[in-house]
Amino acid sequence: MRLKAPTPPAWTAAVLADLDAFLLDHAANERKASSSAMALVVHYPDRPELVERCIALAVEELQHFGLVQARIAERGLVLGPDTRNAYLLRLRKEFRAGSQPYFLDRLLTAGIVEARGCERFGLVAAALPDGPLKDFYRELARSEVRHQEMYIDLARLYFAADVVALRLEDLLGVEARVVAEMPIRATLY
């Protein structure tokens, strides 16, 4: 999937200037990604392919949360309270009414969010000096590719390819506008 707007270089500079804040936000997003995958399982238990794949994803995202938490603890930090994510809230406003359109929008938006995470983890990995943290973010970027593909594959399983392609194009445009409007901060989104 190709995002329509690249993350500006100022974002990477902000992350490097406050890596502690980024790690704390990253941990929160891994936990939320796990919860989101399980929410799909709860809402669509009659779709065995989705259930199987989302359970596996939820477990992997929770493992990532644990790995980020370990890095947070190494730095002498503690997790903070949960906060609402303006990027995700804005994307959710685009979910259409109706069972099937809503379902498609959830799957495609999840794929887009994973694509943005992939791009940004790659930027962090490229900017960090050689070492374990660079390797960690490089590996996370690879896993985000699999995650985005999973969500798009599920969309194509349940909806016609042309319907998926058209709606994905619309949502990618929305996501580009959202990213352009977001302030530059040391957060994943």
N, C-alpha and C. Protein backbone atom coordinates (compact mmCIF):
# COMPACT_ATOMS: atom_id res chain seq x y z
N MET A 1 0.85 -1.18 0.00
CA MET A 1 0.00 0.00 0.00
C MET A 1 0.89 1.24 0.00
N ARG A 2 0.51 2.18 -0.81
CA ARG A 2 1.27 3.43 -0.86
C ARG A 2 0.47 4.54 -0.18
N LEU A 3 1.06 5.09 0.84
CA LEU A 3 0.46 6.24 1.50
C LEU A 3 0.55 7.44 0.56
N LYS A 4 -0.41 8.32 0.65
CA LYS A 4 -0.46 9.47 -0.26
C LYS A 4 0.40 10.65 0.21
N ALA A 5 0.78 10.64 1.47
CA ALA A 5 1.60 11.74 2.00
C ALA A 5 2.69 11.16 2.89
N PRO A 6 3.94 11.43 2.56
CA PRO A 6 5.01 10.95 3.43
C PRO A 6 5.06 11.74 4.73
N THR A 7 5.57 11.09 5.75
CA THR A 7 5.79 11.78 7.02
C THR A 7 6.89 12.82 6.81
N PRO A 8 6.68 14.05 7.27
CA PRO A 8 7.71 15.08 7.08
C PRO A 8 8.96 14.80 7.92
N PRO A 9 10.13 15.21 7.43
CA PRO A 9 11.38 14.99 8.18
C PRO A 9 11.35 15.58 9.60
N ALA A 10 10.58 16.63 9.80
CA ALA A 10 10.49 17.24 11.13
C ALA A 10 9.95 16.25 12.16
N TRP A 11 9.14 15.29 11.72
CA TRP A 11 8.60 14.29 12.66
C TRP A 11 9.75 13.44 13.21
N THR A 12 10.62 12.97 12.36
CA THR A 12 11.75 12.15 12.81
C THR A 12 12.63 12.94 13.77
N ALA A 13 12.86 14.20 13.46
CA ALA A 13 13.66 15.05 14.35
C ALA A 13 12.99 15.18 15.71
N ALA A 14 11.67 15.32 15.74
CA ALA A 14 10.95 15.43 17.01
C ALA A 14 11.06 14.14 17.82
N VAL A 15 10.99 13.01 17.16
CA VAL A 15 11.12 11.72 17.85
C VAL A 15 12.51 11.58 18.44
N LEU A 16 13.53 11.88 17.66
CA LEU A 16 14.90 11.76 18.16
C LEU A 16 15.18 12.73 19.30
N ALA A 17 14.52 13.88 19.29
CA ALA A 17 14.70 14.87 20.36
C ALA A 17 14.02 14.46 21.65
N ASP A 18 13.02 13.56 21.58
CA ASP A 18 12.30 13.13 22.77
C ASP A 18 11.93 11.65 22.64
N LEU A 19 12.95 10.83 22.58
CA LEU A 19 12.75 9.40 22.38
C LEU A 19 11.96 8.77 23.53
N ASP A 20 12.11 9.29 24.73
CA ASP A 20 11.35 8.76 25.87
C ASP A 20 9.84 8.92 25.63
N ALA A 21 9.42 10.11 25.21
CA ALA A 21 8.00 10.34 24.94
C ALA A 21 7.52 9.42 23.82
N PHE A 22 8.33 9.25 22.79
CA PHE A 22 7.96 8.38 21.68
C PHE A 22 7.77 6.94 22.15
N LEU A 23 8.69 6.45 22.96
CA LEU A 23 8.58 5.07 23.46
C LEU A 23 7.31 4.88 24.28
N LEU A 24 6.98 5.85 25.11
CA LEU A 24 5.76 5.74 25.91
C LEU A 24 4.52 5.72 25.01
N ASP A 25 4.50 6.57 24.01
CA ASP A 25 3.37 6.60 23.07
C ASP A 25 3.34 5.32 22.25
N HIS A 26 4.49 4.86 21.84
CA HIS A 26 4.57 3.62 21.05
C HIS A 26 3.98 2.45 21.84
N ALA A 27 4.33 2.35 23.10
CA ALA A 27 3.79 1.27 23.92
C ALA A 27 2.27 1.33 23.97
N ALA A 28 1.73 2.51 24.17
CA ALA A 28 0.27 2.66 24.21
C ALA A 28 -0.37 2.23 22.90
N ASN A 29 0.28 2.55 21.80
CA ASN A 29 -0.27 2.17 20.50
C ASN A 29 -0.20 0.67 20.24
N GLU A 30 0.83 0.00 20.72
CA GLU A 30 0.89 -1.46 20.58
C GLU A 30 -0.24 -2.12 21.37
N ARG A 31 -0.48 -1.62 22.55
CA ARG A 31 -1.57 -2.18 23.36
C ARG A 31 -2.92 -1.95 22.68
N LYS A 32 -3.11 -0.75 22.15
CA LYS A 32 -4.36 -0.44 21.45
C LYS A 32 -4.51 -1.28 20.19
N ALA A 33 -3.43 -1.55 19.49
CA ALA A 33 -3.50 -2.38 18.29
C ALA A 33 -3.95 -3.80 18.65
N SER A 34 -3.46 -4.31 19.76
CA SER A 34 -3.90 -5.62 20.22
C SER A 34 -5.39 -5.61 20.56
N SER A 35 -5.81 -4.59 21.26
CA SER A 35 -7.23 -4.46 21.62
C SER A 35 -8.12 -4.32 20.39
N SER A 36 -7.66 -3.58 19.41
CA SER A 36 -8.44 -3.39 18.18
C SER A 36 -8.63 -4.69 17.42
N ALA A 37 -7.57 -5.49 17.36
CA ALA A 37 -7.69 -6.79 16.70
C ALA A 37 -8.69 -7.68 17.43
N MET A 38 -8.65 -7.65 18.75
CA MET A 38 -9.61 -8.46 19.52
C MET A 38 -11.03 -7.91 19.41
N ALA A 39 -11.17 -6.61 19.26
CA ALA A 39 -12.51 -6.03 19.07
C ALA A 39 -13.14 -6.55 17.78
N LEU A 40 -12.32 -6.73 16.74
CA LEU A 40 -12.85 -7.31 15.51
C LEU A 40 -13.32 -8.74 15.73
N VAL A 41 -12.57 -9.49 16.52
CA VAL A 41 -12.97 -10.87 16.84
C VAL A 41 -14.32 -10.88 17.55
N VAL A 42 -14.47 -9.98 18.50
CA VAL A 42 -15.71 -9.91 19.28
C VAL A 42 -16.90 -9.50 18.40
N HIS A 43 -16.67 -8.55 17.49
CA HIS A 43 -17.76 -8.04 16.66
C HIS A 43 -18.09 -8.94 15.48
N TYR A 44 -17.14 -9.76 15.04
CA TYR A 44 -17.37 -10.60 13.86
C TYR A 44 -16.97 -12.05 14.13
N PRO A 45 -17.55 -12.66 15.17
CA PRO A 45 -17.15 -14.03 15.54
C PRO A 45 -17.57 -15.09 14.51
N ASP A 46 -18.46 -14.70 13.60
CA ASP A 46 -18.95 -15.63 12.59
C ASP A 46 -18.06 -15.68 11.34
N ARG A 47 -16.92 -15.01 11.40
CA ARG A 47 -16.00 -14.97 10.25
C ARG A 47 -14.70 -15.66 10.67
N PRO A 48 -14.62 -16.99 10.45
CA PRO A 48 -13.49 -17.76 10.99
C PRO A 48 -12.12 -17.30 10.52
N GLU A 49 -12.00 -16.86 9.28
CA GLU A 49 -10.69 -16.39 8.80
C GLU A 49 -10.26 -15.15 9.57
N LEU A 50 -11.19 -14.24 9.78
CA LEU A 50 -10.90 -13.03 10.53
C LEU A 50 -10.55 -13.37 11.97
N VAL A 51 -11.33 -14.24 12.58
CA VAL A 51 -11.10 -14.60 13.99
C VAL A 51 -9.69 -15.17 14.16
N GLU A 52 -9.33 -16.11 13.33
CA GLU A 52 -8.01 -16.75 13.44
C GLU A 52 -6.88 -15.75 13.24
N ARG A 53 -6.98 -14.94 12.21
CA ARG A 53 -5.90 -14.01 11.90
C ARG A 53 -5.82 -12.86 12.91
N CYS A 54 -6.96 -12.39 13.37
CA CYS A 54 -6.94 -11.28 14.34
C CYS A 54 -6.48 -11.73 15.72
N ILE A 55 -6.79 -12.96 16.10
CA ILE A 55 -6.26 -13.46 17.38
C ILE A 55 -4.74 -13.52 17.31
N ALA A 56 -4.20 -14.05 16.22
CA ALA A 56 -2.74 -14.12 16.06
C ALA A 56 -2.14 -12.71 16.08
N LEU A 57 -2.79 -11.78 15.41
CA LEU A 57 -2.29 -10.41 15.40
C LEU A 57 -2.34 -9.79 16.79
N ALA A 58 -3.43 -10.01 17.51
CA ALA A 58 -3.56 -9.45 18.87
C ALA A 58 -2.44 -9.96 19.77
N VAL A 59 -2.11 -11.23 19.65
CA VAL A 59 -1.02 -11.81 20.44
C VAL A 59 0.31 -11.16 20.06
N GLU A 60 0.56 -11.01 18.75
CA GLU A 60 1.81 -10.40 18.31
C GLU A 60 1.92 -8.95 18.77
N GLU A 61 0.83 -8.20 18.67
CA GLU A 61 0.84 -6.80 19.11
C GLU A 61 1.09 -6.71 20.61
N LEU A 62 0.52 -7.62 21.36
CA LEU A 62 0.75 -7.63 22.81
C LEU A 62 2.21 -7.98 23.13
N GLN A 63 2.79 -8.87 22.33
CA GLN A 63 4.22 -9.16 22.50
C GLN A 63 5.05 -7.92 22.21
N HIS A 64 4.68 -7.19 21.16
CA HIS A 64 5.39 -5.93 20.86
C HIS A 64 5.26 -4.94 22.02
N PHE A 65 4.07 -4.88 22.60
CA PHE A 65 3.86 -4.02 23.77
C PHE A 65 4.85 -4.40 24.87
N GLY A 66 4.99 -5.69 25.13
CA GLY A 66 5.92 -6.15 26.16
C GLY A 66 7.36 -5.77 25.84
N LEU A 67 7.74 -5.87 24.57
CA LEU A 67 9.11 -5.50 24.17
C LEU A 67 9.36 -4.00 24.33
N VAL A 68 8.37 -3.20 23.98
CA VAL A 68 8.52 -1.75 24.16
C VAL A 68 8.56 -1.42 25.65
N GLN A 69 7.71 -2.07 26.41
CA GLN A 69 7.70 -1.85 27.87
C GLN A 69 9.07 -2.17 28.48
N ALA A 70 9.71 -3.22 28.00
CA ALA A 70 11.04 -3.57 28.52
C ALA A 70 12.03 -2.43 28.24
N ARG A 71 11.95 -1.83 27.07
CA ARG A 71 12.84 -0.72 26.74
C ARG A 71 12.52 0.51 27.59
N ILE A 72 11.23 0.70 27.86
CA ILE A 72 10.82 1.80 28.73
C ILE A 72 11.39 1.60 30.13
N ALA A 73 11.28 0.39 30.65
CA ALA A 73 11.80 0.09 31.99
C ALA A 73 13.32 0.26 32.03
N GLU A 74 14.01 -0.15 30.97
CA GLU A 74 15.47 0.01 30.91
C GLU A 74 15.88 1.47 31.04
N ARG A 75 15.04 2.36 30.57
CA ARG A 75 15.33 3.79 30.60
C ARG A 75 14.85 4.44 31.90
N GLY A 76 14.31 3.63 32.81
CA GLY A 76 13.84 4.15 34.08
C GLY A 76 12.51 4.87 34.00
N LEU A 77 11.76 4.61 32.95
CA LEU A 77 10.46 5.25 32.76
C LEU A 77 9.34 4.31 33.20
N VAL A 78 8.15 4.86 33.37
CA VAL A 78 6.97 4.05 33.66
C VAL A 78 5.87 4.46 32.69
N LEU A 79 5.02 3.50 32.39
CA LEU A 79 3.90 3.78 31.50
C LEU A 79 3.02 4.86 32.07
N GLY A 80 2.48 5.69 31.20
CA GLY A 80 1.58 6.75 31.64
C GLY A 80 0.13 6.35 31.44
N PRO A 81 -0.77 7.23 31.82
CA PRO A 81 -2.19 6.95 31.63
C PRO A 81 -2.53 6.93 30.14
N ASP A 82 -3.57 6.21 29.82
CA ASP A 82 -4.02 6.13 28.44
C ASP A 82 -4.58 7.48 27.99
N THR A 83 -4.32 7.83 26.76
CA THR A 83 -4.85 9.07 26.19
C THR A 83 -5.52 8.75 24.86
N ARG A 84 -6.42 9.62 24.47
CA ARG A 84 -7.08 9.45 23.17
C ARG A 84 -6.11 9.88 22.07
N ASN A 85 -6.17 9.17 20.97
CA ASN A 85 -5.29 9.43 19.85
C ASN A 85 -6.07 10.22 18.80
N ALA A 86 -5.70 11.48 18.58
CA ALA A 86 -6.42 12.36 17.66
C ALA A 86 -6.40 11.82 16.23
N TYR A 87 -5.30 11.24 15.82
CA TYR A 87 -5.18 10.66 14.47
C TYR A 87 -6.21 9.56 14.28
N LEU A 88 -6.26 8.62 15.22
CA LEU A 88 -7.20 7.50 15.10
C LEU A 88 -8.65 7.98 15.21
N LEU A 89 -8.91 8.90 16.11
CA LEU A 89 -10.27 9.43 16.25
C LEU A 89 -10.73 10.09 14.95
N ARG A 90 -9.84 10.83 14.33
CA ARG A 90 -10.19 11.50 13.07
C ARG A 90 -10.47 10.48 11.96
N LEU A 91 -9.67 9.43 11.87
CA LEU A 91 -9.91 8.41 10.86
C LEU A 91 -11.23 7.68 11.11
N ARG A 92 -11.55 7.43 12.36
CA ARG A 92 -12.81 6.73 12.68
C ARG A 92 -14.04 7.55 12.30
N LYS A 93 -13.90 8.84 12.22
CA LYS A 93 -15.03 9.67 11.79
C LYS A 93 -15.45 9.35 10.36
N GLU A 94 -14.57 8.72 9.62
CA GLU A 94 -14.87 8.39 8.22
C GLU A 94 -15.63 7.08 8.07
N PHE A 95 -15.80 6.33 9.15
CA PHE A 95 -16.52 5.06 9.06
C PHE A 95 -17.96 5.34 8.64
N ARG A 96 -18.40 4.64 7.62
CA ARG A 96 -19.75 4.84 7.12
C ARG A 96 -20.75 4.01 7.92
N ALA A 97 -22.00 4.45 7.87
CA ALA A 97 -23.09 3.74 8.54
C ALA A 97 -23.43 2.49 7.72
N GLY A 98 -24.05 1.55 8.38
CA GLY A 98 -24.44 0.31 7.72
C GLY A 98 -23.44 -0.78 8.03
N SER A 99 -23.92 -1.95 8.25
CA SER A 99 -23.08 -3.06 8.69
C SER A 99 -21.90 -3.33 7.76
N GLN A 100 -22.16 -3.51 6.48
CA GLN A 100 -21.09 -3.86 5.55
C GLN A 100 -20.14 -2.69 5.27
N PRO A 101 -20.63 -1.49 4.99
CA PRO A 101 -19.69 -0.38 4.79
C PRO A 101 -18.82 -0.11 6.02
N TYR A 102 -19.42 -0.20 7.19
CA TYR A 102 -18.68 0.02 8.44
C TYR A 102 -17.58 -1.03 8.60
N PHE A 103 -17.92 -2.28 8.33
CA PHE A 103 -16.95 -3.38 8.42
C PHE A 103 -15.79 -3.14 7.46
N LEU A 104 -16.09 -2.81 6.21
CA LEU A 104 -15.03 -2.55 5.24
C LEU A 104 -14.15 -1.40 5.69
N ASP A 105 -14.76 -0.33 6.16
CA ASP A 105 -13.99 0.84 6.59
C ASP A 105 -13.08 0.51 7.77
N ARG A 106 -13.56 -0.31 8.67
CA ARG A 106 -12.71 -0.73 9.81
C ARG A 106 -11.48 -1.48 9.34
N LEU A 107 -11.69 -2.43 8.44
CA LEU A 107 -10.56 -3.23 7.93
C LEU A 107 -9.56 -2.35 7.19
N LEU A 108 -10.06 -1.52 6.28
CA LEU A 108 -9.15 -0.70 5.48
C LEU A 108 -8.43 0.35 6.32
N THR A 109 -9.12 0.94 7.26
CA THR A 109 -8.47 1.93 8.13
C THR A 109 -7.40 1.27 8.98
N ALA A 110 -7.67 0.08 9.47
CA ALA A 110 -6.66 -0.64 10.25
C ALA A 110 -5.42 -0.90 9.39
N GLY A 111 -5.63 -1.26 8.13
CA GLY A 111 -4.50 -1.47 7.23
C GLY A 111 -3.71 -0.19 6.99
N ILE A 112 -4.41 0.92 6.84
CA ILE A 112 -3.75 2.21 6.62
C ILE A 112 -2.95 2.61 7.86
N VAL A 113 -3.51 2.41 9.03
CA VAL A 113 -2.81 2.74 10.27
C VAL A 113 -1.53 1.91 10.38
N GLU A 114 -1.61 0.63 10.04
CA GLU A 114 -0.42 -0.22 10.06
C GLU A 114 0.60 0.26 9.03
N ALA A 115 0.14 0.71 7.87
CA ALA A 115 1.06 1.22 6.84
C ALA A 115 1.79 2.46 7.35
N ARG A 116 1.07 3.35 8.03
CA ARG A 116 1.72 4.55 8.58
C ARG A 116 2.72 4.15 9.66
N GLY A 117 2.35 3.18 10.49
CA GLY A 117 3.29 2.69 11.50
C GLY A 117 4.54 2.11 10.86
N CYS A 118 4.37 1.36 9.79
CA CYS A 118 5.51 0.79 9.07
C CYS A 118 6.44 1.88 8.58
N GLU A 119 5.86 2.88 7.94
CA GLU A 119 6.66 3.98 7.43
C GLU A 119 7.43 4.67 8.55
N ARG A 120 6.75 4.93 9.65
CA ARG A 120 7.39 5.68 10.73
C ARG A 120 8.40 4.86 11.51
N PHE A 121 8.14 3.59 11.71
CA PHE A 121 9.16 2.74 12.35
C PHE A 121 10.40 2.67 11.47
N GLY A 122 10.19 2.62 10.15
CA GLY A 122 11.33 2.62 9.24
C GLY A 122 12.13 3.91 9.33
N LEU A 123 11.44 5.03 9.45
CA LEU A 123 12.13 6.32 9.60
C LEU A 123 12.94 6.36 10.89
N VAL A 124 12.35 5.86 11.98
CA VAL A 124 13.06 5.84 13.25
C VAL A 124 14.29 4.93 13.14
N ALA A 125 14.10 3.76 12.57
CA ALA A 125 15.23 2.82 12.42
C ALA A 125 16.35 3.45 11.60
N ALA A 126 16.01 4.12 10.52
CA ALA A 126 17.03 4.74 9.66
C ALA A 126 17.77 5.86 10.38
N ALA A 127 17.11 6.54 11.30
CA ALA A 127 17.71 7.69 11.98
C ALA A 127 18.53 7.31 13.21
N LEU A 128 18.27 6.16 13.79
CA LEU A 128 18.97 5.76 15.01
C LEU A 128 20.37 5.26 14.70
N PRO A 129 21.29 5.44 15.66
CA PRO A 129 22.62 4.86 15.46
C PRO A 129 22.54 3.33 15.53
N ASP A 130 23.53 2.69 14.95
CA ASP A 130 23.57 1.22 15.00
C ASP A 130 23.47 0.74 16.43
N GLY A 131 22.70 -0.31 16.61
CA GLY A 131 22.54 -0.87 17.94
C GLY A 131 21.21 -1.58 18.08
N PRO A 132 20.93 -2.06 19.28
CA PRO A 132 19.71 -2.85 19.49
C PRO A 132 18.41 -2.10 19.21
N LEU A 133 18.35 -0.80 19.54
CA LEU A 133 17.11 -0.06 19.31
C LEU A 133 16.85 0.11 17.81
N LYS A 134 17.89 0.37 17.04
CA LYS A 134 17.76 0.47 15.59
C LYS A 134 17.26 -0.86 15.03
N ASP A 135 17.85 -1.96 15.47
CA ASP A 135 17.43 -3.29 15.00
C ASP A 135 15.99 -3.57 15.38
N PHE A 136 15.61 -3.16 16.58
CA PHE A 136 14.24 -3.35 17.06
C PHE A 136 13.25 -2.65 16.15
N TYR A 137 13.51 -1.39 15.82
CA TYR A 137 12.58 -0.65 14.98
C TYR A 137 12.60 -1.13 13.53
N ARG A 138 13.72 -1.60 13.08
CA ARG A 138 13.78 -2.18 11.73
C ARG A 138 12.88 -3.43 11.67
N GLU A 139 12.95 -4.25 12.69
CA GLU A 139 12.12 -5.47 12.73
C GLU A 139 10.64 -5.13 12.88
N LEU A 140 10.33 -4.13 13.68
CA LEU A 140 8.93 -3.71 13.82
C LEU A 140 8.37 -3.21 12.49
N ALA A 141 9.16 -2.49 11.72
CA ALA A 141 8.70 -2.02 10.41
C ALA A 141 8.33 -3.21 9.53
N ARG A 142 9.13 -4.26 9.58
CA ARG A 142 8.82 -5.46 8.79
C ARG A 142 7.51 -6.10 9.23
N SER A 143 7.27 -6.14 10.52
CA SER A 143 6.04 -6.76 11.00
C SER A 143 4.83 -5.93 10.62
N GLU A 144 4.98 -4.61 10.58
CA GLU A 144 3.86 -3.75 10.20
C GLU A 144 3.44 -3.99 8.75
N VAL A 145 4.38 -4.36 7.90
CA VAL A 145 4.04 -4.71 6.52
C VAL A 145 3.09 -5.90 6.52
N ARG A 146 3.40 -6.91 7.29
CA ARG A 146 2.52 -8.09 7.38
C ARG A 146 1.15 -7.71 7.93
N HIS A 147 1.12 -6.83 8.90
CA HIS A 147 -0.15 -6.44 9.52
C HIS A 147 -1.04 -5.70 8.52
N GLN A 148 -0.46 -4.75 7.80
CA GLN A 148 -1.26 -4.01 6.83
C GLN A 148 -1.78 -4.95 5.75
N GLU A 149 -0.95 -5.87 5.30
CA GLU A 149 -1.37 -6.83 4.28
C GLU A 149 -2.50 -7.72 4.79
N MET A 150 -2.44 -8.10 6.06
CA MET A 150 -3.48 -8.94 6.62
C MET A 150 -4.83 -8.25 6.56
N TYR A 151 -4.89 -6.98 6.97
CA TYR A 151 -6.15 -6.26 6.97
C TYR A 151 -6.69 -6.08 5.54
N ILE A 152 -5.82 -5.78 4.61
CA ILE A 152 -6.26 -5.59 3.22
C ILE A 152 -6.70 -6.94 2.64
N ASP A 153 -5.97 -8.00 2.95
CA ASP A 153 -6.38 -9.34 2.49
C ASP A 153 -7.74 -9.71 3.03
N LEU A 154 -8.01 -9.40 4.30
CA LEU A 154 -9.33 -9.69 4.87
C LEU A 154 -10.41 -8.88 4.16
N ALA A 155 -10.12 -7.63 3.85
CA ALA A 155 -11.10 -6.82 3.12
C ALA A 155 -11.40 -7.46 1.77
N ARG A 156 -10.37 -7.94 1.09
CA ARG A 156 -10.57 -8.56 -0.22
C ARG A 156 -11.26 -9.92 -0.11
N LEU A 157 -11.15 -10.54 1.02
CA LEU A 157 -11.85 -11.81 1.24
C LEU A 157 -13.36 -11.59 1.35
N TYR A 158 -13.75 -10.52 2.01
CA TYR A 158 -15.17 -10.28 2.29
C TYR A 158 -15.85 -9.32 1.32
N PHE A 159 -15.07 -8.62 0.49
CA PHE A 159 -15.64 -7.64 -0.43
C PHE A 159 -14.99 -7.78 -1.80
N ALA A 160 -15.68 -7.34 -2.82
CA ALA A 160 -15.15 -7.38 -4.19
C ALA A 160 -13.91 -6.49 -4.29
N ALA A 161 -12.95 -6.94 -5.10
CA ALA A 161 -11.68 -6.22 -5.23
C ALA A 161 -11.86 -4.78 -5.68
N ASP A 162 -12.80 -4.52 -6.58
CA ASP A 162 -13.00 -3.15 -7.06
C ASP A 162 -13.59 -2.26 -5.97
N VAL A 163 -14.46 -2.82 -5.14
CA VAL A 163 -15.04 -2.07 -4.02
C VAL A 163 -13.94 -1.72 -3.02
N VAL A 164 -13.08 -2.69 -2.73
CA VAL A 164 -11.96 -2.46 -1.81
C VAL A 164 -11.04 -1.38 -2.36
N ALA A 165 -10.68 -1.50 -3.63
CA ALA A 165 -9.74 -0.55 -4.23
C ALA A 165 -10.29 0.88 -4.20
N LEU A 166 -11.55 1.05 -4.53
CA LEU A 166 -12.14 2.39 -4.54
C LEU A 166 -12.19 3.00 -3.14
N ARG A 167 -12.64 2.21 -2.18
CA ARG A 167 -12.74 2.75 -0.82
C ARG A 167 -11.36 2.98 -0.21
N LEU A 168 -10.42 2.09 -0.51
CA LEU A 168 -9.06 2.28 -0.01
C LEU A 168 -8.47 3.58 -0.53
N GLU A 169 -8.70 3.87 -1.80
CA GLU A 169 -8.21 5.13 -2.39
C GLU A 169 -8.81 6.33 -1.66
N ASP A 170 -10.12 6.29 -1.39
CA ASP A 170 -10.77 7.38 -0.65
C ASP A 170 -10.15 7.56 0.73
N LEU A 171 -10.01 6.45 1.44
CA LEU A 171 -9.49 6.53 2.82
C LEU A 171 -8.03 6.94 2.87
N LEU A 172 -7.25 6.56 1.87
CA LEU A 172 -5.86 7.01 1.81
C LEU A 172 -5.79 8.52 1.62
N GLY A 173 -6.71 9.07 0.85
CA GLY A 173 -6.77 10.53 0.70
C GLY A 173 -7.12 11.22 2.00
N VAL A 174 -8.08 10.66 2.71
CA VAL A 174 -8.46 11.21 4.02
C VAL A 174 -7.26 11.15 4.96
N GLU A 175 -6.60 10.01 5.00
CA GLU A 175 -5.46 9.84 5.91
C GLU A 175 -4.36 10.85 5.60
N ALA A 176 -4.12 11.12 4.33
CA ALA A 176 -3.10 12.11 3.95
C ALA A 176 -3.46 13.49 4.49
N ARG A 177 -4.73 13.84 4.40
CA ARG A 177 -5.16 15.14 4.94
C ARG A 177 -5.02 15.18 6.46
N VAL A 178 -5.37 14.09 7.11
CA VAL A 178 -5.26 14.03 8.57
C VAL A 178 -3.81 14.20 8.99
N VAL A 179 -2.91 13.50 8.33
CA VAL A 179 -1.48 13.61 8.67
C VAL A 179 -0.99 15.04 8.47
N ALA A 180 -1.42 15.67 7.39
CA ALA A 180 -0.99 17.05 7.12
C ALA A 180 -1.48 18.02 8.19
N GLU A 181 -2.64 17.72 8.79
CA GLU A 181 -3.22 18.61 9.80
C GLU A 181 -2.68 18.36 11.21
N MET A 182 -2.07 17.19 11.44
CA MET A 182 -1.60 16.83 12.78
C MET A 182 -0.35 17.63 13.15
N PRO A 183 -0.25 18.05 14.40
CA PRO A 183 0.99 18.72 14.82
C PRO A 183 2.14 17.72 14.84
N ILE A 184 3.32 18.23 14.65
CA ILE A 184 4.53 17.40 14.72
C ILE A 184 4.86 17.18 16.19
N ARG A 185 4.82 15.92 16.61
CA ARG A 185 5.11 15.57 18.00
C ARG A 185 5.87 14.27 18.03
N ALA A 186 6.47 13.96 19.16
CA ALA A 186 7.20 12.71 19.34
C ALA A 186 6.23 11.58 19.70
N THR A 187 5.27 11.35 18.80
CA THR A 187 4.29 10.29 18.96
C THR A 187 4.25 9.49 17.67
N LEU A 188 3.76 8.27 17.76
CA LEU A 188 3.70 7.43 16.55
C LEU A 188 2.76 8.02 15.52
N TYR A 189 1.62 8.54 15.99
CA TYR A 189 0.63 9.13 15.06
C TYR A 189 0.33 10.56 15.47
